[in-house]
């Protein structure tokens, strides 16, 4: 395990107790050790497809909660209202179903500061420094550390340089999954969660969760399809999905391909 992973492990113990982080640490070792990694990456997809499917046992409609769904990024218009842990503990809400009002949102993705800034940069040719998002990021860096202004700006430049590299990589080489670019996570679920993550609301609407850089780029490049992974489904959507399956109806919704 890297130093960063060790720090994350310690933090996870503080937040969730000893059992869950310990099992995760063992899985990471198995996934990355040369003697066991080949077997792990061969069998992990089938295992997790079965394991996570148990959360949907009450429904008859077939579902693989770990499957990448290919969608037009244009239809991901809004951001979920569901409270989501983005770092330690985020896996606990993966492949789950719940009710509530979290899908009733007016937080438009194209109104997010990062999207507005990227549009100005890549479409209008405006420098990052002349966007509101630049100042937002700069203040966050300064707040989190005691670095000088020059060091904070240097760190911010690295961030935007990385964003630009990703933009032109996707523009020139096409959009690739994490598997295709060999950007393996620490384990299989971690790798899946490095894709664009969405929730599915009661009406089947796809709601952004994480992956803002890739989703922003996909929208600006007007890509026809990108892979996304569903983090959470609304209970009413699952009921609707079940109804369509039982009645043998046809539908173009990407979460109803059986």
Protein backbone atom coordinates (compact mmCIF):
# COMPACT_ATOMS: atom_id res chain seq x y z
CA UNK A 1 0.00 0.00 0.00
CA UNK A 2 1.17 3.52 -0.76
CA UNK A 3 1.58 6.22 1.89
CA UNK A 4 -1.62 7.84 0.62
CA UNK A 5 -3.54 4.56 0.98
CA UNK A 6 -2.19 4.06 4.51
CA UNK A 7 -3.40 7.53 5.51
CA UNK A 8 -6.79 6.78 3.98
CA UNK A 9 -6.90 3.47 5.89
CA UNK A 10 -6.24 5.21 9.22
CA UNK A 11 -8.88 7.83 8.46
CA UNK A 12 -11.39 5.12 7.55
CA UNK A 13 -10.82 3.36 10.88
CA UNK A 14 -11.59 6.61 12.70
CA UNK A 15 -14.82 7.10 10.74
CA UNK A 16 -16.17 3.57 10.27
CA UNK A 17 -14.42 1.33 12.79
CA UNK A 18 -11.83 -1.39 12.25
CA UNK A 19 -13.64 -4.15 10.32
CA UNK A 20 -14.51 -2.47 7.01
CA UNK A 21 -11.13 -0.75 6.43
CA UNK A 22 -9.28 -3.94 7.32
CA UNK A 23 -11.20 -5.99 4.75
CA UNK A 24 -10.57 -3.25 2.21
CA UNK A 25 -6.84 -3.26 2.96
CA UNK A 26 -6.69 -7.04 2.46
CA UNK A 27 -8.56 -6.74 -0.84
CA UNK A 28 -6.19 -4.03 -2.07
CA UNK A 29 -3.20 -6.24 -1.25
CA UNK A 30 -4.73 -9.16 -3.15
CA UNK A 31 -5.64 -6.91 -6.09
CA UNK A 32 -2.16 -5.45 -6.39
CA UNK A 33 0.19 -8.27 -5.36
CA UNK A 34 1.82 -9.79 -8.50
CA UNK A 35 1.14 -13.35 -7.35
CA UNK A 36 -2.64 -12.82 -6.90
CA UNK A 37 -3.58 -9.78 -9.01
CA UNK A 38 -4.22 -11.72 -12.24
CA UNK A 39 -6.75 -13.97 -10.53
CA UNK A 40 -8.35 -11.08 -8.67
CA UNK A 41 -8.96 -8.96 -11.79
CA UNK A 42 -10.22 -12.00 -13.69
CA UNK A 43 -12.85 -13.01 -11.13
CA UNK A 44 -13.72 -9.73 -9.37
CA UNK A 45 -16.20 -8.52 -12.08
CA UNK A 46 -18.30 -11.70 -11.82
CA UNK A 47 -18.10 -11.79 -8.05
CA UNK A 48 -19.19 -8.17 -7.56
CA UNK A 49 -21.91 -8.46 -10.19
CA UNK A 50 -23.40 -11.30 -8.10
CA UNK A 51 -22.63 -9.75 -4.72
CA UNK A 52 -24.14 -6.33 -5.46
CA UNK A 53 -27.14 -7.86 -7.22
CA UNK A 54 -28.28 -9.17 -3.83
CA UNK A 55 -29.38 -5.61 -3.01
CA UNK A 56 -32.06 -6.03 -5.69
CA UNK A 57 -33.37 -9.51 -4.80
CA UNK A 58 -36.93 -8.25 -4.28
CA UNK A 59 -37.17 -7.32 -7.97
CA UNK A 60 -37.58 -9.69 -10.90
CA UNK A 61 -36.23 -7.43 -13.63
CA UNK A 62 -32.62 -8.42 -14.46
CA UNK A 63 -29.96 -6.02 -13.27
CA UNK A 64 -26.19 -5.89 -13.12
CA UNK A 65 -25.48 -2.97 -10.75
CA UNK A 66 -21.78 -2.99 -11.65
CA UNK A 67 -22.38 -2.69 -15.39
CA UNK A 68 -21.24 0.40 -17.26
CA UNK A 69 -24.18 2.07 -18.99
CA UNK A 70 -23.52 3.99 -22.19
CA UNK A 71 -25.49 7.23 -22.43
CA UNK A 72 -25.49 10.54 -24.25
CA UNK A 73 -23.94 13.04 -21.80
CA UNK A 74 -26.55 15.60 -22.86
CA UNK A 75 -29.21 13.80 -20.84
CA UNK A 76 -27.30 14.21 -17.56
CA UNK A 77 -28.74 17.64 -16.85
CA UNK A 78 -28.90 17.89 -13.06
CA UNK A 79 -26.92 17.06 -9.96
CA UNK A 80 -28.31 14.64 -7.37
CA UNK A 81 -29.48 16.00 -4.03
CA UNK A 82 -28.60 12.74 -2.30
CA UNK A 83 -26.00 13.22 0.38
CA UNK A 84 -22.94 11.42 -0.91
CA UNK A 85 -19.64 10.68 0.78
CA UNK A 86 -17.04 11.31 -1.91
CA UNK A 87 -14.02 9.91 -0.09
CA UNK A 88 -13.90 7.45 2.80
CA UNK A 89 -17.09 5.42 3.00
CA UNK A 90 -18.45 6.29 -0.45
CA UNK A 91 -18.66 2.60 -1.40
CA UNK A 92 -21.40 2.03 1.19
CA UNK A 93 -23.97 3.76 -1.01
CA UNK A 94 -22.89 1.99 -4.19
CA UNK A 95 -25.54 -0.17 -5.88
CA UNK A 96 -28.30 0.74 -3.44
CA UNK A 97 -31.99 1.67 -3.62
CA UNK A 98 -33.77 4.29 -1.50
CA UNK A 99 -36.80 6.54 -1.49
CA UNK A 100 -36.91 10.18 -0.56
CA UNK A 101 -36.76 13.53 -2.30
CA UNK A 102 -33.10 13.43 -3.34
CA UNK A 103 -33.99 13.21 -7.04
CA UNK A 104 -36.12 16.38 -6.99
CA UNK A 105 -33.35 18.78 -7.86
CA UNK A 106 -32.91 22.05 -9.73
CA UNK A 107 -29.10 22.05 -9.58
CA UNK A 108 -28.34 22.22 -13.31
CA UNK A 109 -24.95 20.81 -14.26
CA UNK A 110 -24.29 23.49 -16.87
CA UNK A 111 -24.61 26.11 -14.11
CA UNK A 112 -21.79 24.57 -12.08
CA UNK A 113 -18.70 26.84 -11.88
CA UNK A 114 -16.42 24.18 -13.40
CA UNK A 115 -18.61 23.77 -16.47
CA UNK A 116 -18.92 27.52 -17.02
CA UNK A 117 -15.15 27.96 -16.70
CA UNK A 118 -14.33 25.05 -19.02
CA UNK A 119 -16.75 26.38 -21.62
CA UNK A 120 -15.07 29.79 -21.49
CA UNK A 121 -11.64 28.17 -21.75
CA UNK A 122 -12.17 25.52 -24.42
CA UNK A 123 -14.92 27.14 -26.48
CA UNK A 124 -14.29 30.87 -26.06
CA UNK A 125 -10.51 30.73 -25.54
CA UNK A 126 -10.60 32.64 -22.23
CA UNK A 127 -7.66 32.04 -19.85
CA UNK A 128 -8.41 30.09 -16.67
CA UNK A 129 -7.32 33.06 -14.55
CA UNK A 130 -10.22 35.07 -15.97
CA UNK A 131 -12.86 32.61 -14.76
CA UNK A 132 -14.72 32.55 -11.45
CA UNK A 133 -13.76 28.90 -10.99
CA UNK A 134 -10.07 29.81 -10.87
CA UNK A 135 -10.65 32.05 -7.85
CA UNK A 136 -12.89 29.45 -6.21
CA UNK A 137 -10.17 26.80 -6.49
CA UNK A 138 -7.46 29.19 -5.37
CA UNK A 139 -9.35 30.11 -2.20
CA UNK A 140 -9.89 26.43 -1.39
CA UNK A 141 -6.18 25.68 -1.72
CA UNK A 142 -5.24 28.68 0.43
CA UNK A 143 -7.79 27.68 3.08
CA UNK A 144 -6.56 24.08 3.30
CA UNK A 145 -2.87 24.92 3.58
CA UNK A 146 -0.50 27.58 4.81
CA UNK A 147 1.26 27.82 1.47
CA UNK A 148 2.31 31.16 0.03
CA UNK A 149 0.24 32.69 -2.75
CA UNK A 150 2.84 31.73 -5.32
CA UNK A 151 2.87 28.09 -4.16
CA UNK A 152 -0.93 27.98 -4.17
CA UNK A 153 -1.03 29.38 -7.70
CA UNK A 154 1.62 26.89 -8.80
CA UNK A 155 -0.48 24.04 -7.46
CA UNK A 156 -3.54 25.47 -9.18
CA UNK A 157 -1.67 25.72 -12.49
CA UNK A 158 -0.82 22.02 -12.21
CA UNK A 159 -4.51 21.25 -11.67
CA UNK A 160 -5.65 23.17 -14.75
CA UNK A 161 -2.79 21.78 -16.86
CA UNK A 162 -4.03 18.30 -15.94
CA UNK A 163 -7.58 19.28 -16.88
CA UNK A 164 -6.37 20.49 -20.27
CA UNK A 165 -4.37 17.30 -20.88
CA UNK A 166 -7.48 15.25 -20.19
CA UNK A 167 -9.54 17.43 -22.54
CA UNK A 168 -7.15 17.03 -25.47
CA UNK A 169 -6.57 13.36 -24.73
CA UNK A 170 -10.30 12.70 -25.04
CA UNK A 171 -10.62 15.03 -28.02
CA UNK A 172 -7.77 13.39 -29.94
CA UNK A 173 -8.03 9.76 -28.85
CA UNK A 174 -11.71 9.44 -27.99
CA UNK A 175 -13.37 8.69 -24.68
CA UNK A 176 -12.02 5.58 -22.95
CA UNK A 177 -13.12 3.64 -19.90
CA UNK A 178 -10.82 3.32 -16.90
CA UNK A 179 -10.10 -0.25 -18.03
CA UNK A 180 -9.07 0.90 -21.51
CA UNK A 181 -6.61 3.49 -20.24
CA UNK A 182 -5.28 1.04 -17.63
CA UNK A 183 -6.10 3.48 -14.88
CA UNK A 184 -6.88 0.74 -12.41
CA UNK A 185 -8.12 1.75 -9.02
CA UNK A 186 -6.88 0.13 -5.86
CA UNK A 187 -9.47 -2.62 -6.41
CA UNK A 188 -12.34 -3.44 -8.77
CA UNK A 189 -15.07 -1.31 -7.16
CA UNK A 190 -12.65 1.57 -6.78
CA UNK A 191 -11.92 1.39 -10.50
CA UNK A 192 -15.63 1.41 -11.35
CA UNK A 193 -16.11 4.45 -9.16
CA UNK A 194 -13.48 6.34 -11.12
CA UNK A 195 -15.95 6.50 -14.01
CA UNK A 196 -18.65 9.16 -14.24
CA UNK A 197 -21.10 8.22 -11.46
CA UNK A 198 -24.82 8.86 -11.65
CA UNK A 199 -27.99 8.32 -9.63
CA UNK A 200 -31.28 7.41 -11.31
CA UNK A 201 -34.33 9.32 -10.11
CA UNK A 202 -37.96 8.22 -9.92
CA UNK A 203 -38.69 9.19 -13.51
CA UNK A 204 -35.58 7.55 -14.91
CA UNK A 205 -33.68 10.83 -15.03
CA UNK A 206 -29.90 10.48 -14.80
CA UNK A 207 -28.39 12.68 -12.10
CA UNK A 208 -24.70 13.58 -11.83
CA UNK A 209 -22.84 12.36 -8.72
CA UNK A 210 -19.09 12.54 -9.47
CA UNK A 211 -16.77 12.72 -12.47
CA UNK A 212 -17.25 16.42 -13.18
CA UNK A 213 -14.13 16.78 -15.35
CA UNK A 214 -15.03 13.93 -17.69
CA UNK A 215 -18.69 14.86 -17.88
CA UNK A 216 -17.82 18.50 -18.59
CA UNK A 217 -15.45 17.48 -21.38
CA UNK A 218 -17.94 15.00 -22.86
CA UNK A 219 -20.62 17.70 -22.98
CA UNK A 220 -18.33 20.33 -24.50
CA UNK A 221 -17.08 17.91 -27.16
CA UNK A 222 -20.70 16.86 -27.81
CA UNK A 223 -19.84 13.17 -27.58
CA UNK A 224 -22.66 10.82 -28.47
CA UNK A 225 -22.05 8.24 -25.74
CA UNK A 226 -19.95 7.85 -22.62
CA UNK A 227 -19.80 5.06 -20.02
CA UNK A 228 -21.36 5.81 -16.64
CA UNK A 229 -21.87 3.71 -13.53
CA UNK A 230 -25.04 3.98 -11.47
CA UNK A 231 -24.40 4.67 -7.81
CA UNK A 232 -27.96 4.75 -6.49
CA UNK A 233 -31.48 4.11 -7.82
CA UNK A 234 -34.71 5.61 -6.54
CA UNK A 235 -37.23 3.12 -5.15
CA UNK A 236 -39.99 4.48 -7.41
CA UNK A 237 -37.76 4.02 -10.43
CA UNK A 238 -37.17 0.39 -9.46
CA UNK A 239 -40.95 -0.09 -9.21
CA UNK A 240 -41.40 1.45 -12.65
CA UNK A 241 -38.60 -0.71 -14.02
CA UNK A 242 -40.27 -3.80 -12.58
CA UNK A 243 -43.62 -2.86 -14.13
CA UNK A 244 -42.09 -2.46 -17.59
CA UNK A 245 -40.33 -5.81 -17.29
CA UNK A 246 -43.38 -7.74 -16.05
CA UNK A 247 -45.57 -6.27 -18.79
CA UNK A 248 -42.90 -7.03 -21.39
CA UNK A 249 -42.91 -3.50 -22.72
CA UNK A 250 -40.17 -2.03 -24.90
CA UNK A 251 -38.27 1.07 -23.83
CA UNK A 252 -35.14 2.87 -24.97
CA UNK A 253 -34.05 3.73 -21.43
CA UNK A 254 -30.41 2.62 -20.93
CA UNK A 255 -31.22 1.08 -17.51
CA UNK A 256 -33.78 -1.26 -19.07
CA UNK A 257 -31.67 -3.30 -21.44
CA UNK A 258 -32.60 -6.93 -20.82
